[in-house]
All heavy atoms as atom14 arrays in JSON, in Angstrom:
{
  "sequence": "GLKSGDKLLSYREIAKRFDVSIITVTKAYELLSDEKLITSSQKGCF",
  "atom14_mask": [
    [1, 1, 1, 1, 0, 0, 0, 0, 0, 0, 0, 0, 0, 0],
    [1, 1, 1, 1, 1, 1, 1, 1, 0, 0, 0, 0, 0, 0],
    [1, 1, 1, 1, 1, 1, 1, 1, 1, 0, 0, 0, 0, 0],
    [1, 1, 1, 1, 1, 1, 0, 0, 0, 0, 0, 0, 0, 0],
    [1, 1, 1, 1, 0, 0, 0, 0, 0, 0, 0, 0, 0, 0],
    [1, 1, 1, 1, 1, 1, 1, 1, 0, 0, 0, 0, 0, 0],
    [1, 1, 1, 1, 1, 1, 1, 1, 1, 0, 0, 0, 0, 0],
    [1, 1, 1, 1, 1, 1, 1, 1, 0, 0, 0, 0, 0, 0],
    [1, 1, 1, 1, 1, 1, 1, 1, 0, 0, 0, 0, 0, 0],
    [1, 1, 1, 1, 1, 1, 0, 0, 0, 0, 0, 0, 0, 0],
    [1, 1, 1, 1, 1, 1, 1, 1, 1, 1, 1, 1, 0, 0],
    [1, 1, 1, 1, 1, 1, 1, 1, 1, 1, 1, 0, 0, 0],
    [1, 1, 1, 1, 1, 1, 1, 1, 1, 0, 0, 0, 0, 0],
    [1, 1, 1, 1, 1, 1, 1, 1, 0, 0, 0, 0, 0, 0],
    [1, 1, 1, 1, 1, 0, 0, 0, 0, 0, 0, 0, 0, 0],
    [1, 1, 1, 1, 1, 1, 1, 1, 1, 0, 0, 0, 0, 0],
    [1, 1, 1, 1, 1, 1, 1, 1, 1, 1, 1, 0, 0, 0],
    [1, 1, 1, 1, 1, 1, 1, 1, 1, 1, 1, 0, 0, 0],
    [1, 1, 1, 1, 1, 1, 1, 1, 0, 0, 0, 0, 0, 0],
    [1, 1, 1, 1, 1, 1, 1, 0, 0, 0, 0, 0, 0, 0],
    [1, 1, 1, 1, 1, 1, 0, 0, 0, 0, 0, 0, 0, 0],
    [1, 1, 1, 1, 1, 1, 1, 1, 0, 0, 0, 0, 0, 0],
    [1, 1, 1, 1, 1, 1, 1, 1, 0, 0, 0, 0, 0, 0],
    [1, 1, 1, 1, 1, 1, 1, 0, 0, 0, 0, 0, 0, 0],
    [1, 1, 1, 1, 1, 1, 1, 0, 0, 0, 0, 0, 0, 0],
    [1, 1, 1, 1, 1, 1, 1, 0, 0, 0, 0, 0, 0, 0],
    [1, 1, 1, 1, 1, 1, 1, 1, 1, 0, 0, 0, 0, 0],
    [1, 1, 1, 1, 1, 0, 0, 0, 0, 0, 0, 0, 0, 0],
    [1, 1, 1, 1, 1, 1, 1, 1, 1, 1, 1, 1, 0, 0],
    [1, 1, 1, 1, 1, 1, 1, 1, 1, 0, 0, 0, 0, 0],
    [1, 1, 1, 1, 1, 1, 1, 1, 0, 0, 0, 0, 0, 0],
    [1, 1, 1, 1, 1, 1, 1, 1, 0, 0, 0, 0, 0, 0],
    [1, 1, 1, 1, 1, 1, 0, 0, 0, 0, 0, 0, 0, 0],
    [1, 1, 1, 1, 1, 1, 1, 1, 0, 0, 0, 0, 0, 0],
    [1, 1, 1, 1, 1, 1, 1, 1, 1, 0, 0, 0, 0, 0],
    [1, 1, 1, 1, 1, 1, 1, 1, 1, 0, 0, 0, 0, 0],
    [1, 1, 1, 1, 1, 1, 1, 1, 0, 0, 0, 0, 0, 0],
    [1, 1, 1, 1, 1, 1, 1, 1, 0, 0, 0, 0, 0, 0],
    [1, 1, 1, 1, 1, 1, 1, 0, 0, 0, 0, 0, 0, 0],
    [1, 1, 1, 1, 1, 1, 0, 0, 0, 0, 0, 0, 0, 0],
    [1, 1, 1, 1, 1, 1, 0, 0, 0, 0, 0, 0, 0, 0],
    [1, 1, 1, 1, 1, 1, 1, 1, 1, 0, 0, 0, 0, 0],
    [1, 1, 1, 1, 1, 1, 1, 1, 1, 0, 0, 0, 0, 0],
    [1, 1, 1, 1, 0, 0, 0, 0, 0, 0, 0, 0, 0, 0],
    [1, 1, 1, 1, 1, 1, 0, 0, 0, 0, 0, 0, 0, 0],
    [1, 1, 1, 1, 1, 1, 1, 1, 1, 1, 1, 0, 0, 0]
  ],
  "atom14_positions": [
    [[9.97, -8.77, 5.78], [9.05, -8.41, 4.7], [8.83, -6.91, 4.62], [8.65, -6.36, 3.55], [0.0, 0.0, 0.0], [0.0, 0.0, 0.0], [0.0, 0.0, 0.0], [0.0, 0.0, 0.0], [0.0, 0.0, 0.0], [0.0, 0.0, 0.0], [0.0, 0.0, 0.0], [0.0, 0.0, 0.0], [0.0, 0.0, 0.0], [0.0, 0.0, 0.0]],
    [[8.84, -6.27, 5.77], [8.82, -4.82, 5.86], [10.14, -4.39, 6.47], [10.57, -4.95, 7.48], [7.65, -4.34, 6.73], [6.26, -4.54, 6.16], [5.19, -4.28, 7.22], [6.03, -3.65, 4.94], [0.0, 0.0, 0.0], [0.0, 0.0, 0.0], [0.0, 0.0, 0.0], [0.0, 0.0, 0.0], [0.0, 0.0, 0.0], [0.0, 0.0, 0.0]],
    [[10.78, -3.43, 5.86], [12.12, -3.01, 6.28], [12.12, -1.59, 6.82], [11.2, -0.82, 6.58], [13.07, -3.12, 5.1], [13.12, -4.53, 4.53], [14.29, -4.72, 3.61], [14.34, -6.1, 2.99], [14.19, -7.22, 3.86], [0.0, 0.0, 0.0], [0.0, 0.0, 0.0], [0.0, 0.0, 0.0], [0.0, 0.0, 0.0], [0.0, 0.0, 0.0]],
    [[13.18, -1.27, 7.53], [13.34, 0.08, 8.08], [13.07, 1.12, 7.01], [13.58, 1.01, 5.89], [14.77, 0.27, 8.62], [14.99, -0.58, 9.71], [0.0, 0.0, 0.0], [0.0, 0.0, 0.0], [0.0, 0.0, 0.0], [0.0, 0.0, 0.0], [0.0, 0.0, 0.0], [0.0, 0.0, 0.0], [0.0, 0.0, 0.0], [0.0, 0.0, 0.0]],
    [[12.25, 2.1, 7.36], [11.93, 3.19, 6.44], [10.7, 2.94, 5.58], [10.19, 3.87, 4.96], [0.0, 0.0, 0.0], [0.0, 0.0, 0.0], [0.0, 0.0, 0.0], [0.0, 0.0, 0.0], [0.0, 0.0, 0.0], [0.0, 0.0, 0.0], [0.0, 0.0, 0.0], [0.0, 0.0, 0.0], [0.0, 0.0, 0.0], [0.0, 0.0, 0.0]],
    [[10.23, 1.7, 5.5], [9.03, 1.42, 4.71], [7.84, 2.15, 5.32], [7.65, 2.15, 6.53], [8.71, -0.09, 4.66], [9.57, -0.86, 3.69], [10.31, -0.23, 2.89], [9.51, -2.1, 3.72], [0.0, 0.0, 0.0], [0.0, 0.0, 0.0], [0.0, 0.0, 0.0], [0.0, 0.0, 0.0], [0.0, 0.0, 0.0], [0.0, 0.0, 0.0]],
    [[7.04, 2.74, 4.45], [5.83, 3.43, 4.89], [4.7, 2.43, 5.04], [4.5, 1.58, 4.18], [5.43, 4.52, 3.9], [4.28, 5.37, 4.4], [4.02, 6.56, 3.52], [2.92, 7.41, 4.15], [2.67, 8.61, 3.38], [0.0, 0.0, 0.0], [0.0, 0.0, 0.0], [0.0, 0.0, 0.0], [0.0, 0.0, 0.0], [0.0, 0.0, 0.0]],
    [[3.98, 2.54, 6.14], [2.84, 1.67, 6.39], [1.58, 2.31, 5.86], [1.51, 3.53, 5.66], [2.69, 1.42, 7.89], [3.9, 0.8, 8.61], [3.59, 0.64, 10.09], [4.29, -0.52, 8.01], [0.0, 0.0, 0.0], [0.0, 0.0, 0.0], [0.0, 0.0, 0.0], [0.0, 0.0, 0.0], [0.0, 0.0, 0.0], [0.0, 0.0, 0.0]],
    [[0.57, 1.49, 5.66], [-0.74, 2.02, 5.3], [-1.19, 2.98, 6.4], [-0.9, 2.76, 7.58], [-1.76, 0.89, 5.18], [-1.6, -0.09, 4.03], [-2.55, -1.27, 4.21], [-1.86, 0.6, 2.71], [0.0, 0.0, 0.0], [0.0, 0.0, 0.0], [0.0, 0.0, 0.0], [0.0, 0.0, 0.0], [0.0, 0.0, 0.0], [0.0, 0.0, 0.0]],
    [[-1.92, 3.99, 6.03], [-2.41, 4.93, 7.03], [-3.52, 4.27, 7.85], [-4.1, 3.25, 7.44], [-2.96, 6.19, 6.35], [-4.19, 5.91, 5.72], [0.0, 0.0, 0.0], [0.0, 0.0, 0.0], [0.0, 0.0, 0.0], [0.0, 0.0, 0.0], [0.0, 0.0, 0.0], [0.0, 0.0, 0.0], [0.0, 0.0, 0.0], [0.0, 0.0, 0.0]],
    [[-3.83, 4.87, 8.96], [-4.92, 4.39, 9.81], [-6.21, 4.29, 8.99], [-6.91, 3.29, 9.04], [-5.16, 5.36, 10.97], [-4.06, 5.46, 11.99], [-2.82, 5.97, 11.66], [-4.28, 5.05, 13.29], [-1.81, 6.09, 12.61], [-3.28, 5.16, 14.26], [-2.04, 5.67, 13.89], [-1.06, 5.77, 14.83], [0.0, 0.0, 0.0], [0.0, 0.0, 0.0]],
    [[-6.48, 5.36, 8.24], [-7.71, 5.41, 7.45], [-7.73, 4.34, 6.35], [-8.77, 3.75, 6.08], [-7.9, 6.8, 6.84], [-8.42, 7.8, 7.83], [-8.82, 9.1, 7.14], [-9.45, 10.0, 8.07], [-8.8, 10.85, 8.85], [-7.49, 10.91, 8.79], [-9.46, 11.63, 9.68], [0.0, 0.0, 0.0], [0.0, 0.0, 0.0], [0.0, 0.0, 0.0]],
    [[-6.57, 4.14, 5.7], [-6.52, 3.14, 4.62], [-6.82, 1.74, 5.15], [-7.57, 0.98, 4.54], [-5.14, 3.15, 3.95], [-4.9, 4.37, 3.09], [-3.46, 4.47, 2.61], [-2.53, 4.34, 3.44], [-3.28, 4.71, 1.42], [0.0, 0.0, 0.0], [0.0, 0.0, 0.0], [0.0, 0.0, 0.0], [0.0, 0.0, 0.0], [0.0, 0.0, 0.0]],
    [[-6.26, 1.41, 6.3], [-6.52, 0.09, 6.88], [-7.97, 0.0, 7.33], [-8.65, -1.0, 7.07], [-5.56, -0.21, 8.06], [-4.14, -0.41, 7.53], [-6.01, -1.47, 8.81], [-3.12, -0.68, 8.6], [0.0, 0.0, 0.0], [0.0, 0.0, 0.0], [0.0, 0.0, 0.0], [0.0, 0.0, 0.0], [0.0, 0.0, 0.0], [0.0, 0.0, 0.0]],
    [[-8.44, 1.04, 7.99], [-9.83, 1.04, 8.47], [-10.8, 0.85, 7.32], [-11.74, 0.04, 7.41], [-10.13, 2.34, 9.22], [0.0, 0.0, 0.0], [0.0, 0.0, 0.0], [0.0, 0.0, 0.0], [0.0, 0.0, 0.0], [0.0, 0.0, 0.0], [0.0, 0.0, 0.0], [0.0, 0.0, 0.0], [0.0, 0.0, 0.0], [0.0, 0.0, 0.0]],
    [[-10.57, 1.56, 6.24], [-11.47, 1.46, 5.08], [-11.33, 0.11, 4.39], [-12.33, -0.54, 4.08], [-11.15, 2.59, 4.09], [-12.07, 2.63, 2.9], [-11.75, 3.81, 1.99], [-12.69, 3.8, 0.79], [-12.41, 4.91, -0.12], [0.0, 0.0, 0.0], [0.0, 0.0, 0.0], [0.0, 0.0, 0.0], [0.0, 0.0, 0.0], [0.0, 0.0, 0.0]],
    [[-10.1, -0.31, 4.16], [-9.86, -1.56, 3.45], [-10.47, -2.77, 4.16], [-10.98, -3.69, 3.55], [-8.35, -1.78, 3.26], [-8.03, -3.02, 2.43], [-6.56, -3.19, 2.22], [-6.09, -2.21, 1.25], [-4.84, -2.16, 0.81], [-3.96, -3.02, 1.26], [-4.48, -1.26, -0.06], [0.0, 0.0, 0.0], [0.0, 0.0, 0.0], [0.0, 0.0, 0.0]],
    [[-10.42, -2.76, 5.5], [-10.87, -3.92, 6.26], [-12.17, -3.67, 7.02], [-12.58, -4.5, 7.83], [-9.76, -4.4, 7.19], [-8.54, -4.84, 6.45], [-7.42, -4.03, 6.41], [-8.53, -6.03, 5.76], [-6.3, -4.42, 5.7], [-7.42, -6.42, 5.05], [-6.29, -5.61, 5.02], [0.0, 0.0, 0.0], [0.0, 0.0, 0.0], [0.0, 0.0, 0.0]],
    [[-12.78, -2.53, 6.78], [-14.04, -2.18, 7.41], [-13.95, -2.33, 8.93], [-14.73, -3.05, 9.56], [-15.18, -3.04, 6.83], [-16.55, -2.5, 7.24], [-16.66, -1.28, 7.46], [-17.49, -3.31, 7.34], [0.0, 0.0, 0.0], [0.0, 0.0, 0.0], [0.0, 0.0, 0.0], [0.0, 0.0, 0.0], [0.0, 0.0, 0.0], [0.0, 0.0, 0.0]],
    [[-12.95, -1.66, 9.49], [-12.77, -1.62, 10.94], [-12.68, -0.16, 11.36], [-12.48, 0.73, 10.53], [-11.5, -2.39, 11.39], [-11.61, -3.87, 11.04], [-10.23, -1.79, 10.81], [0.0, 0.0, 0.0], [0.0, 0.0, 0.0], [0.0, 0.0, 0.0], [0.0, 0.0, 0.0], [0.0, 0.0, 0.0], [0.0, 0.0, 0.0], [0.0, 0.0, 0.0]],
    [[-12.8, 0.1, 12.64], [-12.73, 1.48, 13.12], [-11.28, 1.95, 13.17], [-10.35, 1.15, 13.29], [-13.36, 1.6, 14.51], [-12.5, 1.09, 15.48], [0.0, 0.0, 0.0], [0.0, 0.0, 0.0], [0.0, 0.0, 0.0], [0.0, 0.0, 0.0], [0.0, 0.0, 0.0], [0.0, 0.0, 0.0], [0.0, 0.0, 0.0], [0.0, 0.0, 0.0]],
    [[-11.12, 3.26, 13.09], [-9.78, 3.85, 13.21], [-9.22, 3.56, 14.6], [-8.01, 3.38, 14.75], [-9.83, 5.36, 12.89], [-10.07, 5.53, 11.39], [-8.55, 6.06, 13.33], [-10.16, 6.95, 10.92], [0.0, 0.0, 0.0], [0.0, 0.0, 0.0], [0.0, 0.0, 0.0], [0.0, 0.0, 0.0], [0.0, 0.0, 0.0], [0.0, 0.0, 0.0]],
    [[-10.07, 3.47, 15.59], [-9.63, 3.14, 16.96], [-8.95, 1.76, 16.98], [-7.93, 1.57, 17.63], [-10.81, 3.19, 17.95], [-11.32, 4.63, 18.07], [-10.44, 2.62, 19.31], [-12.62, 4.79, 18.81], [0.0, 0.0, 0.0], [0.0, 0.0, 0.0], [0.0, 0.0, 0.0], [0.0, 0.0, 0.0], [0.0, 0.0, 0.0], [0.0, 0.0, 0.0]],
    [[-9.5, 0.82, 16.23], [-8.92, -0.53, 16.14], [-7.51, -0.45, 15.57], [-6.57, -1.06, 16.1], [-9.81, -1.43, 15.26], [-11.08, -1.56, 15.9], [-9.2, -2.81, 15.05], [0.0, 0.0, 0.0], [0.0, 0.0, 0.0], [0.0, 0.0, 0.0], [0.0, 0.0, 0.0], [0.0, 0.0, 0.0], [0.0, 0.0, 0.0], [0.0, 0.0, 0.0]],
    [[-7.35, 0.3, 14.5], [-6.04, 0.44, 13.86], [-5.08, 1.18, 14.79], [-3.91, 0.8, 14.92], [-6.16, 1.17, 12.51], [-4.8, 1.3, 11.84], [-7.15, 0.47, 11.59], [0.0, 0.0, 0.0], [0.0, 0.0, 0.0], [0.0, 0.0, 0.0], [0.0, 0.0, 0.0], [0.0, 0.0, 0.0], [0.0, 0.0, 0.0], [0.0, 0.0, 0.0]],
    [[-5.59, 2.2, 15.46], [-4.78, 2.98, 16.4], [-4.21, 2.07, 17.49], [-3.03, 2.17, 17.83], [-5.61, 4.12, 17.03], [-6.09, 4.96, 15.99], [-4.79, 4.93, 18.01], [0.0, 0.0, 0.0], [0.0, 0.0, 0.0], [0.0, 0.0, 0.0], [0.0, 0.0, 0.0], [0.0, 0.0, 0.0], [0.0, 0.0, 0.0], [0.0, 0.0, 0.0]],
    [[-5.02, 1.18, 18.02], [-4.55, 0.25, 19.06], [-3.41, -0.61, 18.54], [-2.4, -0.83, 19.22], [-5.69, -0.66, 19.54], [-6.69, 0.0, 20.44], [-7.73, -1.05, 20.86], [-8.82, -0.5, 21.71], [-9.78, -1.53, 22.1], [0.0, 0.0, 0.0], [0.0, 0.0, 0.0], [0.0, 0.0, 0.0], [0.0, 0.0, 0.0], [0.0, 0.0, 0.0]],
    [[-3.55, -1.13, 17.32], [-2.52, -1.98, 16.73], [-1.23, -1.19, 16.53], [-0.14, -1.65, 16.9], [-3.0, -2.54, 15.39], [0.0, 0.0, 0.0], [0.0, 0.0, 0.0], [0.0, 0.0, 0.0], [0.0, 0.0, 0.0], [0.0, 0.0, 0.0], [0.0, 0.0, 0.0], [0.0, 0.0, 0.0], [0.0, 0.0, 0.0], [0.0, 0.0, 0.0]],
    [[-1.34, 0.0, 15.97], [-0.16, 0.83, 15.71], [0.5, 1.28, 17.01], [1.71, 1.41, 17.09], [-0.53, 2.01, 14.83], [-0.51, 1.71, 13.33], [-0.81, 0.44, 12.84], [-0.22, 2.69, 12.41], [-0.81, 0.17, 11.5], [-0.2, 2.43, 11.05], [-0.5, 1.16, 10.6], [-0.48, 0.89, 9.25], [0.0, 0.0, 0.0], [0.0, 0.0, 0.0]],
    [[-0.3, 1.53, 18.06], [0.27, 1.92, 19.35], [1.12, 0.79, 19.93], [2.19, 1.03, 20.49], [-0.83, 2.32, 20.34], [-1.39, 3.69, 20.08], [-2.55, 4.06, 21.0], [-3.07, 3.2, 21.73], [-2.95, 5.25, 20.95], [0.0, 0.0, 0.0], [0.0, 0.0, 0.0], [0.0, 0.0, 0.0], [0.0, 0.0, 0.0], [0.0, 0.0, 0.0]],
    [[0.65, -0.45, 19.79], [1.44, -1.58, 20.27], [2.76, -1.68, 19.51], [3.82, -1.92, 20.11], [0.65, -2.89, 20.11], [-0.53, -3.09, 21.04], [-1.31, -4.35, 20.66], [-0.07, -3.17, 22.49], [0.0, 0.0, 0.0], [0.0, 0.0, 0.0], [0.0, 0.0, 0.0], [0.0, 0.0, 0.0], [0.0, 0.0, 0.0], [0.0, 0.0, 0.0]],
    [[2.7, -1.5, 18.2], [3.92, -1.54, 17.38], [4.87, -0.4, 17.76], [6.09, -0.59, 17.84], [3.57, -1.47, 15.9], [2.82, -2.68, 15.35], [2.16, -2.35, 14.02], [3.75, -3.87, 15.21], [0.0, 0.0, 0.0], [0.0, 0.0, 0.0], [0.0, 0.0, 0.0], [0.0, 0.0, 0.0], [0.0, 0.0, 0.0], [0.0, 0.0, 0.0]],
    [[4.3, 0.76, 18.04], [5.1, 1.91, 18.44], [5.71, 1.68, 19.82], [6.89, 2.01, 20.05], [4.22, 3.16, 18.46], [4.98, 4.28, 18.82], [0.0, 0.0, 0.0], [0.0, 0.0, 0.0], [0.0, 0.0, 0.0], [0.0, 0.0, 0.0], [0.0, 0.0, 0.0], [0.0, 0.0, 0.0], [0.0, 0.0, 0.0], [0.0, 0.0, 0.0]],
    [[4.95, 1.11, 20.74], [5.46, 0.81, 22.08], [6.66, -0.13, 22.02], [7.57, -0.04, 22.85], [4.37, 0.17, 22.96], [3.28, 1.15, 23.35], [3.45, 2.37, 23.16], [2.22, 0.68, 23.83], [0.0, 0.0, 0.0], [0.0, 0.0, 0.0], [0.0, 0.0, 0.0], [0.0, 0.0, 0.0], [0.0, 0.0, 0.0], [0.0, 0.0, 0.0]],
    [[6.67, -1.02, 21.04], [7.79, -1.95, 20.87], [8.9, -1.37, 20.0], [9.85, -2.05, 19.66], [7.28, -3.27, 20.27], [6.41, -4.04, 21.23], [6.01, -5.41, 20.7], [6.73, -5.98, 19.86], [4.97, -5.91, 21.16], [0.0, 0.0, 0.0], [0.0, 0.0, 0.0], [0.0, 0.0, 0.0], [0.0, 0.0, 0.0], [0.0, 0.0, 0.0]],
    [[8.73, -0.1, 19.64], [9.7, 0.64, 18.82], [9.91, 0.02, 17.45], [10.97, 0.15, 16.86], [11.02, 0.81, 19.58], [10.83, 1.54, 20.9], [12.11, 1.96, 21.51], [12.0, 2.61, 22.86], [10.82, 3.17, 23.33], [0.0, 0.0, 0.0], [0.0, 0.0, 0.0], [0.0, 0.0, 0.0], [0.0, 0.0, 0.0], [0.0, 0.0, 0.0]],
    [[8.87, -0.65, 16.94], [8.95, -1.24, 15.61], [8.53, -0.24, 14.54], [8.93, -0.36, 13.38], [8.08, -2.49, 15.53], [8.59, -3.68, 16.34], [7.55, -4.79, 16.39], [9.89, -4.2, 15.75], [0.0, 0.0, 0.0], [0.0, 0.0, 0.0], [0.0, 0.0, 0.0], [0.0, 0.0, 0.0], [0.0, 0.0, 0.0], [0.0, 0.0, 0.0]],
    [[7.69, 0.74, 14.93], [7.28, 1.76, 13.97], [7.41, 3.14, 14.61], [7.45, 3.26, 15.85], [5.82, 1.55, 13.46], [4.8, 1.75, 14.57], [5.68, 0.19, 12.8], [3.35, 1.8, 14.08], [0.0, 0.0, 0.0], [0.0, 0.0, 0.0], [0.0, 0.0, 0.0], [0.0, 0.0, 0.0], [0.0, 0.0, 0.0], [0.0, 0.0, 0.0]],
    [[7.48, 4.15, 13.75], [7.5, 5.53, 14.2], [6.47, 6.31, 13.4], [6.11, 5.91, 12.3], [8.89, 6.18, 14.0], [9.24, 6.09, 12.62], [9.94, 5.48, 14.85], [0.0, 0.0, 0.0], [0.0, 0.0, 0.0], [0.0, 0.0, 0.0], [0.0, 0.0, 0.0], [0.0, 0.0, 0.0], [0.0, 0.0, 0.0], [0.0, 0.0, 0.0]],
    [[6.02, 7.39, 13.98], [5.03, 8.24, 13.31], [5.61, 9.62, 13.07], [6.42, 10.11, 13.87], [3.78, 8.39, 14.18], [3.18, 7.13, 14.38], [0.0, 0.0, 0.0], [0.0, 0.0, 0.0], [0.0, 0.0, 0.0], [0.0, 0.0, 0.0], [0.0, 0.0, 0.0], [0.0, 0.0, 0.0], [0.0, 0.0, 0.0], [0.0, 0.0, 0.0]],
    [[5.17, 10.23, 11.99], [5.52, 11.62, 11.7], [4.34, 12.23, 10.97], [3.33, 11.57, 10.74], [6.78, 11.68, 10.83], [6.49, 11.29, 9.5], [0.0, 0.0, 0.0], [0.0, 0.0, 0.0], [0.0, 0.0, 0.0], [0.0, 0.0, 0.0], [0.0, 0.0, 0.0], [0.0, 0.0, 0.0], [0.0, 0.0, 0.0], [0.0, 0.0, 0.0]],
    [[4.48, 13.48, 10.58], [3.4, 14.14, 9.84], [3.2, 13.48, 8.48], [2.14, 13.6, 7.88], [3.7, 15.62, 9.68], [3.6, 16.37, 10.98], [3.91, 17.85, 10.8], [4.51, 18.26, 9.83], [3.47, 18.65, 11.77], [0.0, 0.0, 0.0], [0.0, 0.0, 0.0], [0.0, 0.0, 0.0], [0.0, 0.0, 0.0], [0.0, 0.0, 0.0]],
    [[4.22, 12.77, 8.0], [4.14, 12.12, 6.69], [3.55, 10.72, 6.78], [3.35, 10.07, 5.77], [5.52, 12.06, 6.05], [6.07, 13.43, 5.73], [7.43, 13.33, 5.08], [7.97, 14.72, 4.78], [9.26, 14.66, 4.1], [0.0, 0.0, 0.0], [0.0, 0.0, 0.0], [0.0, 0.0, 0.0], [0.0, 0.0, 0.0], [0.0, 0.0, 0.0]],
    [[3.3, 10.22, 7.99], [2.7, 8.9, 8.15], [3.46, 8.03, 9.13], [4.31, 8.5, 9.88], [0.0, 0.0, 0.0], [0.0, 0.0, 0.0], [0.0, 0.0, 0.0], [0.0, 0.0, 0.0], [0.0, 0.0, 0.0], [0.0, 0.0, 0.0], [0.0, 0.0, 0.0], [0.0, 0.0, 0.0], [0.0, 0.0, 0.0], [0.0, 0.0, 0.0]],
    [[3.16, 6.74, 9.09], [3.83, 5.76, 9.95], [4.82, 4.97, 9.12], [4.52, 4.56, 8.0], [2.8, 4.82, 10.58], [1.74, 5.61, 11.78], [0.0, 0.0, 0.0], [0.0, 0.0, 0.0], [0.0, 0.0, 0.0], [0.0, 0.0, 0.0], [0.0, 0.0, 0.0], [0.0, 0.0, 0.0], [0.0, 0.0, 0.0], [0.0, 0.0, 0.0]],
    [[5.97, 4.73, 9.72], [7.06, 4.05, 9.02], [7.65, 2.98, 9.92], [7.62, 3.09, 11.14], [8.17, 5.05, 8.67], [7.72, 6.13, 7.73], [7.1, 7.28, 8.21], [7.92, 6.01, 6.37], [6.66, 8.27, 7.35], [7.5, 7.0, 5.49], [6.88, 8.14, 5.99], [0.0, 0.0, 0.0], [0.0, 0.0, 0.0], [0.0, 0.0, 0.0]]
  ]
}
């Protein structure tokens, strides 16, 4: 459903959309990054 190169919602967008803390989103994205499913750059997470 999400393919290589697709841009993910930003930490802030998810936090705002779901009324959760940025720390919560950071934890989720860190797990995805640890599994090498996503990468981060200055342009966002992909």
